[in-house]
């Protein structure tokens, strides 16, 4: 019996070559972040050539993690590698805007440099934006491995398929969940414990929009839960802590724990 069991295990391990190493993927993403942001790097480059060589090494790591997936890719590993690295200037610019939004939105932040170096919210957003690029390129496994790595490091769970706009701010962040089909606009701020989730977890709904839409300039305070694919939080709204929302909220609303929401015109709906 033991011999048969070991043979089953051996056959299972033969398929490992079609799965990229999570360790290699995490090593790769650390390298990308460190070269994009000096604040995250322990390296001191004495010359442009030294930085260029490190950049080339990171590109080689990308090829290594993509190679096992070659049969599942819609483009060649070389094409995906090229497209991913071509996108880095744009991603870096967006992440600098995110860091600025966090710095401006948190009175405790002393500088953008501090945000990039120490804030878990920035780290989670950075990994998400890089993972999202791989997701958009049709790469399996790697995007989710990346965001689960950030999840483990920060307690912030962002699905790589979620769509998140510019100037995104996560304050504290622990316990935040952002589901697969969430859409978030620009200048949105989330506090710890926020859940943007689904009303139903039925498998047959996998290809539908199950998670809410958060429009521009919304603030969602700690512990709020917003559920459902048809739920829209209108632009300029403020969602108070610990509320539970399963229906859409008009723009410029104020939603409180007591179970009612207050519009800008001070009209109370119960």
C-alpha atoms as a PDB file:
ATOM      1  CA  UNK A   1       0.000   0.000   0.000  1.00  0.00           C
ATOM      2  CA  UNK A   2       2.769   2.411   0.907  1.00  0.00           C
ATOM      3  CA  UNK A   3       4.566   1.714  -2.350  1.00  0.00           C
ATOM      4  CA  UNK A   4       1.408   2.420  -4.332  1.00  0.00           C
ATOM      5  CA  UNK A   5       0.858   5.639  -2.393  1.00  0.00           C
ATOM      6  CA  UNK A   6       4.408   6.766  -3.098  1.00  0.00           C
ATOM      7  CA  UNK A   7       3.900   6.032  -6.800  1.00  0.00           C
ATOM      8  CA  UNK A   8       0.777   8.238  -6.761  1.00  0.00           C
ATOM      9  CA  UNK A   9       2.785  11.008  -5.090  1.00  0.00           C
ATOM     10  CA  UNK A  10       5.605  10.591  -7.589  1.00  0.00           C
ATOM     11  CA  UNK A  11       3.216  10.974 -10.532  1.00  0.00           C
ATOM     12  CA  UNK A  12       1.682  14.057  -8.916  1.00  0.00           C
ATOM     13  CA  UNK A  13       5.123  15.613  -8.537  1.00  0.00           C
ATOM     14  CA  UNK A  14       5.825  15.122 -12.237  1.00  0.00           C
ATOM     15  CA  UNK A  15       3.267  17.859 -12.925  1.00  0.00           C
ATOM     16  CA  UNK A  16       5.192  20.318 -10.751  1.00  0.00           C
ATOM     17  CA  UNK A  17       7.192  21.455 -13.768  1.00  0.00           C
ATOM     18  CA  UNK A  18       4.011  23.119 -15.105  1.00  0.00           C
ATOM     19  CA  UNK A  19       3.690  25.252 -11.958  1.00  0.00           C
ATOM     20  CA  UNK A  20       6.052  28.193 -11.392  1.00  0.00           C
ATOM     21  CA  UNK A  21       7.775  28.279  -8.023  1.00  0.00           C
ATOM     22  CA  UNK A  22       6.068  30.666  -5.554  1.00  0.00           C
ATOM     23  CA  UNK A  23       9.509  31.292  -4.065  1.00  0.00           C
ATOM     24  CA  UNK A  24      10.854  32.374  -7.462  1.00  0.00           C
ATOM     25  CA  UNK A  25       7.784  34.554  -8.090  1.00  0.00           C
ATOM     26  CA  UNK A  26       8.178  36.343  -4.749  1.00  0.00           C
ATOM     27  CA  UNK A  27      11.904  36.804  -5.420  1.00  0.00           C
ATOM     28  CA  UNK A  28      11.043  38.285  -8.806  1.00  0.00           C
ATOM     29  CA  UNK A  29       8.461  40.752  -7.490  1.00  0.00           C
ATOM     30  CA  UNK A  30      10.786  41.906  -4.706  1.00  0.00           C
ATOM     31  CA  UNK A  31      13.380  42.630  -7.358  1.00  0.00           C
ATOM     32  CA  UNK A  32      10.888  44.612  -9.452  1.00  0.00           C
ATOM     33  CA  UNK A  33       9.786  46.698  -6.466  1.00  0.00           C
ATOM     34  CA  UNK A  34      13.354  47.317  -5.337  1.00  0.00           C
ATOM     35  CA  UNK A  35      14.445  48.583  -8.727  1.00  0.00           C
ATOM     36  CA  UNK A  36      11.324  50.725  -9.140  1.00  0.00           C
ATOM     37  CA  UNK A  37      11.655  52.293  -5.690  1.00  0.00           C
ATOM     38  CA  UNK A  38      15.058  52.992  -4.111  1.00  0.00           C
ATOM     39  CA  UNK A  39      13.253  53.272  -0.758  1.00  0.00           C
ATOM     40  CA  UNK A  40      12.647  49.500  -0.863  1.00  0.00           C
ATOM     41  CA  UNK A  41      16.139  48.527  -2.008  1.00  0.00           C
ATOM     42  CA  UNK A  42      19.203  47.619   0.022  1.00  0.00           C
ATOM     43  CA  UNK A  43      21.376  47.900  -3.093  1.00  0.00           C
ATOM     44  CA  UNK A  44      23.582  50.892  -3.768  1.00  0.00           C
ATOM     45  CA  UNK A  45      24.320  51.159  -7.472  1.00  0.00           C
ATOM     46  CA  UNK A  46      27.759  52.637  -8.105  1.00  0.00           C
ATOM     47  CA  UNK A  47      27.066  53.129 -11.795  1.00  0.00           C
ATOM     48  CA  UNK A  48      24.275  53.179 -14.349  1.00  0.00           C
ATOM     49  CA  UNK A  49      25.693  49.945 -15.780  1.00  0.00           C
ATOM     50  CA  UNK A  50      25.254  48.196 -12.419  1.00  0.00           C
ATOM     51  CA  UNK A  51      21.577  49.194 -12.282  1.00  0.00           C
ATOM     52  CA  UNK A  52      21.121  48.158 -15.905  1.00  0.00           C
ATOM     53  CA  UNK A  53      22.600  44.737 -15.157  1.00  0.00           C
ATOM     54  CA  UNK A  54      20.250  44.247 -12.221  1.00  0.00           C
ATOM     55  CA  UNK A  55      17.321  45.204 -14.461  1.00  0.00           C
ATOM     56  CA  UNK A  56      18.443  42.571 -17.003  1.00  0.00           C
ATOM     57  CA  UNK A  57      18.679  39.978 -14.228  1.00  0.00           C
ATOM     58  CA  UNK A  58      15.112  40.731 -13.160  1.00  0.00           C
ATOM     59  CA  UNK A  59      13.937  40.276 -16.741  1.00  0.00           C
ATOM     60  CA  UNK A  60      15.625  36.871 -16.766  1.00  0.00           C
ATOM     61  CA  UNK A  61      13.730  35.949 -13.607  1.00  0.00           C
ATOM     62  CA  UNK A  62      10.508  36.906 -15.375  1.00  0.00           C
ATOM     63  CA  UNK A  63      11.346  34.495 -18.193  1.00  0.00           C
ATOM     64  CA  UNK A  64      12.014  31.756 -15.631  1.00  0.00           C
ATOM     65  CA  UNK A  65       8.653  32.088 -13.906  1.00  0.00           C
ATOM     66  CA  UNK A  66       6.735  32.311 -17.192  1.00  0.00           C
ATOM     67  CA  UNK A  67       8.406  29.321 -18.851  1.00  0.00           C
ATOM     68  CA  UNK A  68       6.518  26.571 -16.925  1.00  0.00           C
ATOM     69  CA  UNK A  69       3.216  28.116 -18.056  1.00  0.00           C
ATOM     70  CA  UNK A  70       4.056  28.212 -21.755  1.00  0.00           C
ATOM     71  CA  UNK A  71       1.240  25.841 -22.775  1.00  0.00           C
ATOM     72  CA  UNK A  72      -1.349  27.963 -20.936  1.00  0.00           C
ATOM     73  CA  UNK A  73      -0.269  31.361 -22.258  1.00  0.00           C
ATOM     74  CA  UNK A  74      -2.037  33.169 -25.086  1.00  0.00           C
ATOM     75  CA  UNK A  75       1.261  34.772 -26.116  1.00  0.00           C
ATOM     76  CA  UNK A  76       4.841  33.606 -25.926  1.00  0.00           C
ATOM     77  CA  UNK A  77       6.735  34.102 -22.654  1.00  0.00           C
ATOM     78  CA  UNK A  78       9.056  36.532 -24.471  1.00  0.00           C
ATOM     79  CA  UNK A  79       6.117  38.647 -25.670  1.00  0.00           C
ATOM     80  CA  UNK A  80       4.558  38.730 -22.213  1.00  0.00           C
ATOM     81  CA  UNK A  81       7.875  39.620 -20.615  1.00  0.00           C
ATOM     82  CA  UNK A  82       8.325  42.458 -23.105  1.00  0.00           C
ATOM     83  CA  UNK A  83       4.799  43.813 -22.577  1.00  0.00           C
ATOM     84  CA  UNK A  84       5.089  43.598 -18.789  1.00  0.00           C
ATOM     85  CA  UNK A  85       8.349  45.519 -18.658  1.00  0.00           C
ATOM     86  CA  UNK A  86       7.075  48.052 -21.188  1.00  0.00           C
ATOM     87  CA  UNK A  87       4.225  48.797 -18.767  1.00  0.00           C
ATOM     88  CA  UNK A  88       6.520  49.511 -15.795  1.00  0.00           C
ATOM     89  CA  UNK A  89       6.946  53.281 -16.376  1.00  0.00           C
ATOM     90  CA  UNK A  90       3.158  53.705 -16.318  1.00  0.00           C
ATOM     91  CA  UNK A  91       2.737  51.457 -13.271  1.00  0.00           C
ATOM     92  CA  UNK A  92       5.477  53.298 -11.399  1.00  0.00           C
ATOM     93  CA  UNK A  93       3.811  56.645 -12.135  1.00  0.00           C
ATOM     94  CA  UNK A  94       0.479  55.332 -10.822  1.00  0.00           C
ATOM     95  CA  UNK A  95       2.131  53.956  -7.695  1.00  0.00           C
ATOM     96  CA  UNK A  96       3.811  57.275  -6.997  1.00  0.00           C
ATOM     97  CA  UNK A  97       0.354  58.863  -7.198  1.00  0.00           C
ATOM     98  CA  UNK A  98      -0.950  56.218  -4.782  1.00  0.00           C
ATOM     99  CA  UNK A  99       1.931  56.953  -2.383  1.00  0.00           C
ATOM    100  CA  UNK A 100       1.164  60.654  -2.631  1.00  0.00           C
ATOM    101  CA  UNK A 101      -2.522  60.018  -1.879  1.00  0.00           C
ATOM    102  CA  UNK A 102      -1.599  57.962   1.188  1.00  0.00           C
ATOM    103  CA  UNK A 103       0.871  60.589   2.371  1.00  0.00           C
ATOM    104  CA  UNK A 104      -1.644  63.420   1.940  1.00  0.00           C
ATOM    105  CA  UNK A 105      -4.462  61.399   3.496  1.00  0.00           C
ATOM    106  CA  UNK A 106      -2.650  60.291   6.641  1.00  0.00           C
ATOM    107  CA  UNK A 107      -1.655  62.994   9.169  1.00  0.00           C
ATOM    108  CA  UNK A 108       0.820  60.517  10.691  1.00  0.00           C
ATOM    109  CA  UNK A 109       2.787  60.185   7.436  1.00  0.00           C
ATOM    110  CA  UNK A 110       5.899  62.367   7.502  1.00  0.00           C
ATOM    111  CA  UNK A 111       6.840  61.897   3.841  1.00  0.00           C
ATOM    112  CA  UNK A 112       6.124  59.976   0.669  1.00  0.00           C
ATOM    113  CA  UNK A 113       9.427  58.179   1.219  1.00  0.00           C
ATOM    114  CA  UNK A 114       8.150  56.883   4.565  1.00  0.00           C
ATOM    115  CA  UNK A 115       4.941  55.659   2.915  1.00  0.00           C
ATOM    116  CA  UNK A 116       6.832  53.716   0.231  1.00  0.00           C
ATOM    117  CA  UNK A 117       9.293  52.210   2.685  1.00  0.00           C
ATOM    118  CA  UNK A 118       7.041  51.292   5.600  1.00  0.00           C
ATOM    119  CA  UNK A 119       3.306  51.369   4.817  1.00  0.00           C
ATOM    120  CA  UNK A 120       1.643  47.972   4.277  1.00  0.00           C
ATOM    121  CA  UNK A 121      -1.122  49.668   2.277  1.00  0.00           C
ATOM    122  CA  UNK A 122       1.351  50.913  -0.291  1.00  0.00           C
ATOM    123  CA  UNK A 123       3.063  47.521  -0.499  1.00  0.00           C
ATOM    124  CA  UNK A 124      -0.270  45.746  -1.086  1.00  0.00           C
ATOM    125  CA  UNK A 125      -1.289  48.252  -3.767  1.00  0.00           C
ATOM    126  CA  UNK A 126       2.113  47.955  -5.478  1.00  0.00           C
ATOM    127  CA  UNK A 127       1.978  44.171  -5.650  1.00  0.00           C
ATOM    128  CA  UNK A 128      -1.656  44.328  -6.808  1.00  0.00           C
ATOM    129  CA  UNK A 129      -0.860  46.721  -9.683  1.00  0.00           C
ATOM    130  CA  UNK A 130       1.971  44.486 -10.900  1.00  0.00           C
ATOM    131  CA  UNK A 131      -0.177  41.354 -10.508  1.00  0.00           C
ATOM    132  CA  UNK A 132      -3.045  43.068 -12.346  1.00  0.00           C
ATOM    133  CA  UNK A 133      -0.751  43.672 -15.308  1.00  0.00           C
ATOM    134  CA  UNK A 134       0.047  39.958 -15.493  1.00  0.00           C
ATOM    135  CA  UNK A 135      -3.701  39.244 -15.174  1.00  0.00           C
ATOM    136  CA  UNK A 136      -4.465  41.565 -18.104  1.00  0.00           C
ATOM    137  CA  UNK A 137      -1.838  39.719 -20.153  1.00  0.00           C
ATOM    138  CA  UNK A 138      -3.697  36.447 -19.589  1.00  0.00           C
ATOM    139  CA  UNK A 139      -1.098  34.880 -17.301  1.00  0.00           C
ATOM    140  CA  UNK A 140      -2.533  32.187 -14.989  1.00  0.00           C
ATOM    141  CA  UNK A 141      -1.447  31.458 -11.396  1.00  0.00           C
ATOM    142  CA  UNK A 142       1.224  34.155 -11.111  1.00  0.00           C
ATOM    143  CA  UNK A 143      -1.199  37.056 -10.421  1.00  0.00           C
ATOM    144  CA  UNK A 144      -2.894  35.181  -7.575  1.00  0.00           C
ATOM    145  CA  UNK A 145       0.398  33.956  -6.129  1.00  0.00           C
ATOM    146  CA  UNK A 146       1.569  37.573  -6.053  1.00  0.00           C
ATOM    147  CA  UNK A 147      -1.506  38.994  -4.334  1.00  0.00           C
ATOM    148  CA  UNK A 148      -1.583  36.133  -1.837  1.00  0.00           C
ATOM    149  CA  UNK A 149       2.049  36.911  -1.048  1.00  0.00           C
ATOM    150  CA  UNK A 150       1.051  40.520  -0.317  1.00  0.00           C
ATOM    151  CA  UNK A 151      -1.957  39.227   1.640  1.00  0.00           C
ATOM    152  CA  UNK A 152       0.331  37.180   3.864  1.00  0.00           C
ATOM    153  CA  UNK A 153       2.703  40.095   4.377  1.00  0.00           C
ATOM    154  CA  UNK A 154       0.085  42.771   5.078  1.00  0.00           C
ATOM    155  CA  UNK A 155      -3.292  41.191   5.875  1.00  0.00           C
ATOM    156  CA  UNK A 156      -4.712  43.023   2.833  1.00  0.00           C
ATOM    157  CA  UNK A 157      -6.458  40.745   0.314  1.00  0.00           C
ATOM    158  CA  UNK A 158      -6.848  42.291  -3.163  1.00  0.00           C
ATOM    159  CA  UNK A 159      -7.869  40.016  -6.011  1.00  0.00           C
ATOM    160  CA  UNK A 160      -5.626  40.650  -9.061  1.00  0.00           C
ATOM    161  CA  UNK A 161      -8.667  40.971 -11.345  1.00  0.00           C
ATOM    162  CA  UNK A 162     -10.170  43.887  -9.401  1.00  0.00           C
ATOM    163  CA  UNK A 163     -10.170  47.222 -11.237  1.00  0.00           C
ATOM    164  CA  UNK A 164      -8.744  50.063  -9.142  1.00  0.00           C
ATOM    165  CA  UNK A 165      -8.365  53.662 -10.281  1.00  0.00           C
ATOM    166  CA  UNK A 166      -5.676  56.246  -9.583  1.00  0.00           C
ATOM    167  CA  UNK A 167      -4.685  57.891  -6.305  1.00  0.00           C
ATOM    168  CA  UNK A 168      -5.832  54.902  -4.263  1.00  0.00           C
ATOM    169  CA  UNK A 169      -5.306  55.193  -0.510  1.00  0.00           C
ATOM    170  CA  UNK A 170      -5.295  52.365   2.022  1.00  0.00           C
ATOM    171  CA  UNK A 171      -4.877  53.539   5.627  1.00  0.00           C
ATOM    172  CA  UNK A 172      -3.769  50.895   8.180  1.00  0.00           C
ATOM    173  CA  UNK A 173      -5.225  48.233   5.902  1.00  0.00           C
ATOM    174  CA  UNK A 174      -5.272  45.065   8.002  1.00  0.00           C
ATOM    175  CA  UNK A 175      -8.262  42.902   7.137  1.00  0.00           C
ATOM    176  CA  UNK A 176      -9.261  44.673   3.918  1.00  0.00           C
ATOM    177  CA  UNK A 177     -10.841  42.354   1.305  1.00  0.00           C
ATOM    178  CA  UNK A 178     -11.362  43.485  -2.305  1.00  0.00           C
ATOM    179  CA  UNK A 179     -13.102  40.870  -4.442  1.00  0.00           C
ATOM    180  CA  UNK A 180     -12.500  39.756  -8.003  1.00  0.00           C
ATOM    181  CA  UNK A 181     -15.092  41.901  -9.808  1.00  0.00           C
ATOM    182  CA  UNK A 182     -14.819  45.031  -7.659  1.00  0.00           C
ATOM    183  CA  UNK A 183     -14.504  48.317  -9.552  1.00  0.00           C
ATOM    184  CA  UNK A 184     -12.972  51.258  -7.684  1.00  0.00           C
ATOM    185  CA  UNK A 185     -12.752  54.776  -9.110  1.00  0.00           C
ATOM    186  CA  UNK A 186     -10.166  57.494  -8.535  1.00  0.00           C
ATOM    187  CA  UNK A 187      -9.272  59.143  -5.210  1.00  0.00           C
ATOM    188  CA  UNK A 188     -10.856  56.403  -3.071  1.00  0.00           C
ATOM    189  CA  UNK A 189      -9.747  55.797   0.517  1.00  0.00           C
ATOM    190  CA  UNK A 190     -10.265  52.590   2.519  1.00  0.00           C
ATOM    191  CA  UNK A 191      -9.604  51.953   6.187  1.00  0.00           C
ATOM    192  CA  UNK A 192      -8.879  48.651   7.932  1.00  0.00           C
ATOM    193  CA  UNK A 193     -11.392  45.842   7.957  1.00  0.00           C
ATOM    194  CA  UNK A 194     -13.351  46.977   4.884  1.00  0.00           C
ATOM    195  CA  UNK A 195     -14.913  44.171   2.851  1.00  0.00           C
ATOM    196  CA  UNK A 196     -15.961  44.689  -0.764  1.00  0.00           C
ATOM    197  CA  UNK A 197     -17.509  41.294  -1.342  1.00  0.00           C
ATOM    198  CA  UNK A 198     -20.201  39.185  -2.963  1.00  0.00           C
ATOM    199  CA  UNK A 199     -23.751  38.559  -1.782  1.00  0.00           C
ATOM    200  CA  UNK A 200     -23.553  34.987  -3.038  1.00  0.00           C
ATOM    201  CA  UNK A 201     -20.652  32.568  -3.341  1.00  0.00           C
ATOM    202  CA  UNK A 202     -22.391  30.149  -5.680  1.00  0.00           C
ATOM    203  CA  UNK A 203     -19.931  28.672  -8.173  1.00  0.00           C
ATOM    204  CA  UNK A 204     -22.266  29.201 -11.117  1.00  0.00           C
ATOM    205  CA  UNK A 205     -21.941  32.958 -10.542  1.00  0.00           C
ATOM    206  CA  UNK A 206     -18.176  32.867 -11.130  1.00  0.00           C
ATOM    207  CA  UNK A 207     -18.367  34.688 -14.473  1.00  0.00           C
ATOM    208  CA  UNK A 208     -20.756  37.410 -13.301  1.00  0.00           C
ATOM    209  CA  UNK A 209     -20.122  40.742 -11.569  1.00  0.00           C
ATOM    210  CA  UNK A 210     -20.530  39.720  -7.940  1.00  0.00           C
ATOM    211  CA  UNK A 211     -18.795  42.578  -6.155  1.00  0.00           C
ATOM    212  CA  UNK A 212     -19.644  46.271  -5.695  1.00  0.00           C
ATOM    213  CA  UNK A 213     -18.620  49.370  -7.626  1.00  0.00           C
ATOM    214  CA  UNK A 214     -17.087  52.250  -5.688  1.00  0.00           C
ATOM    215  CA  UNK A 215     -17.160  55.524  -7.595  1.00  0.00           C
ATOM    216  CA  UNK A 216     -14.686  58.428  -7.377  1.00  0.00           C
ATOM    217  CA  UNK A 217     -13.741  60.222  -4.146  1.00  0.00           C
ATOM    218  CA  UNK A 218     -15.422  57.787  -1.764  1.00  0.00           C
ATOM    219  CA  UNK A 219     -14.155  57.227   1.791  1.00  0.00           C
ATOM    220  CA  UNK A 220     -15.002  53.931   3.509  1.00  0.00           C
ATOM    221  CA  UNK A 221     -14.261  53.717   7.226  1.00  0.00           C
ATOM    222  CA  UNK A 222     -13.121  50.750   9.310  1.00  0.00           C
ATOM    223  CA  UNK A 223     -15.169  47.575   9.392  1.00  0.00           C
ATOM    224  CA  UNK A 224     -17.664  48.514   6.674  1.00  0.00           C
ATOM    225  CA  UNK A 225     -19.039  45.645   4.567  1.00  0.00           C
ATOM    226  CA  UNK A 226     -20.364  46.375   1.070  1.00  0.00           C
ATOM    227  CA  UNK A 227     -21.743  43.433  -0.908  1.00  0.00           C
ATOM    228  CA  UNK A 228     -23.223  42.639  -4.299  1.00  0.00           C
ATOM    229  CA  UNK A 229     -22.476  43.150  -7.967  1.00  0.00           C
ATOM    230  CA  UNK A 230     -25.322  45.626  -8.436  1.00  0.00           C
ATOM    231  CA  UNK A 231     -24.334  47.715  -5.434  1.00  0.00           C
ATOM    232  CA  UNK A 232     -22.884  51.108  -6.383  1.00  0.00           C
ATOM    233  CA  UNK A 233     -21.497  53.595  -3.882  1.00  0.00           C
ATOM    234  CA  UNK A 234     -22.014  56.973  -5.519  1.00  0.00           C
ATOM    235  CA  UNK A 235     -19.153  59.424  -5.955  1.00  0.00           C
ATOM    236  CA  UNK A 236     -18.254  61.669  -3.052  1.00  0.00           C
ATOM    237  CA  UNK A 237     -19.959  59.457  -0.467  1.00  0.00           C
ATOM    238  CA  UNK A 238     -18.651  58.721   3.026  1.00  0.00           C
ATOM    239  CA  UNK A 239     -19.360  55.265   4.445  1.00  0.00           C
ATOM    240  CA  UNK A 240     -19.131  55.064   8.217  1.00  0.00           C
ATOM    241  CA  UNK A 241     -17.525  52.315  10.253  1.00  0.00           C
ATOM    242  CA  UNK A 242     -19.131  48.882  10.716  1.00  0.00           C
ATOM    243  CA  UNK A 243     -22.060  49.464   8.344  1.00  0.00           C
ATOM    244  CA  UNK A 244     -23.503  46.650   6.225  1.00  0.00           C
ATOM    245  CA  UNK A 245     -24.594  47.728   2.724  1.00  0.00           C
ATOM    246  CA  UNK A 246     -26.260  45.580   0.064  1.00  0.00           C
ATOM    247  CA  UNK A 247     -28.029  48.318  -1.930  1.00  0.00           C
ATOM    248  CA  UNK A 248     -26.747  51.233  -3.958  1.00  0.00           C
ATOM    249  CA  UNK A 249     -26.079  54.599  -2.333  1.00  0.00           C
ATOM    250  CA  UNK A 250     -26.552  57.903  -4.260  1.00  0.00           C
ATOM    251  CA  UNK A 251     -23.629  60.285  -4.785  1.00  0.00           C
ATOM    252  CA  UNK A 252     -22.641  62.514  -1.837  1.00  0.00           C
ATOM    253  CA  UNK A 253     -24.375  60.314   0.728  1.00  0.00           C
ATOM    254  CA  UNK A 254     -23.292  59.786   4.341  1.00  0.00           C
ATOM    255  CA  UNK A 255     -23.959  56.291   5.654  1.00  0.00           C
ATOM    256  CA  UNK A 256     -23.894  55.611   9.400  1.00  0.00           C
ATOM    257  CA  UNK A 257     -24.005  52.588  11.677  1.00  0.00           C
ATOM    258  CA  UNK A 258     -27.517  53.397  12.926  1.00  0.00           C
ATOM    259  CA  UNK A 259     -28.909  51.944   9.731  1.00  0.00           C
ATOM    260  CA  UNK A 260     -29.872  55.057   7.802  1.00  0.00           C
ATOM    261  CA  UNK A 261     -28.109  57.221   5.293  1.00  0.00           C
ATOM    262  CA  UNK A 262     -28.021  60.966   5.076  1.00  0.00           C
ATOM    263  CA  UNK A 263     -27.742  62.763   1.751  1.00  0.00           C
ATOM    264  CA  UNK A 264     -25.890  66.019   1.225  1.00  0.00           C
ATOM    265  CA  UNK A 265     -29.198  67.870   1.502  1.00  0.00           C
ATOM    266  CA  UNK A 266     -29.600  66.415   5.041  1.00  0.00           C
ATOM    267  CA  UNK A 267     -32.581  64.266   3.982  1.00  0.00           C
ATOM    268  CA  UNK A 268     -32.842  61.152   6.155  1.00  0.00           C
ATOM    269  CA  UNK A 269     -34.025  57.922   4.529  1.00  0.00           C
ATOM    270  CA  UNK A 270     -34.767  54.924   6.746  1.00  0.00           C
END
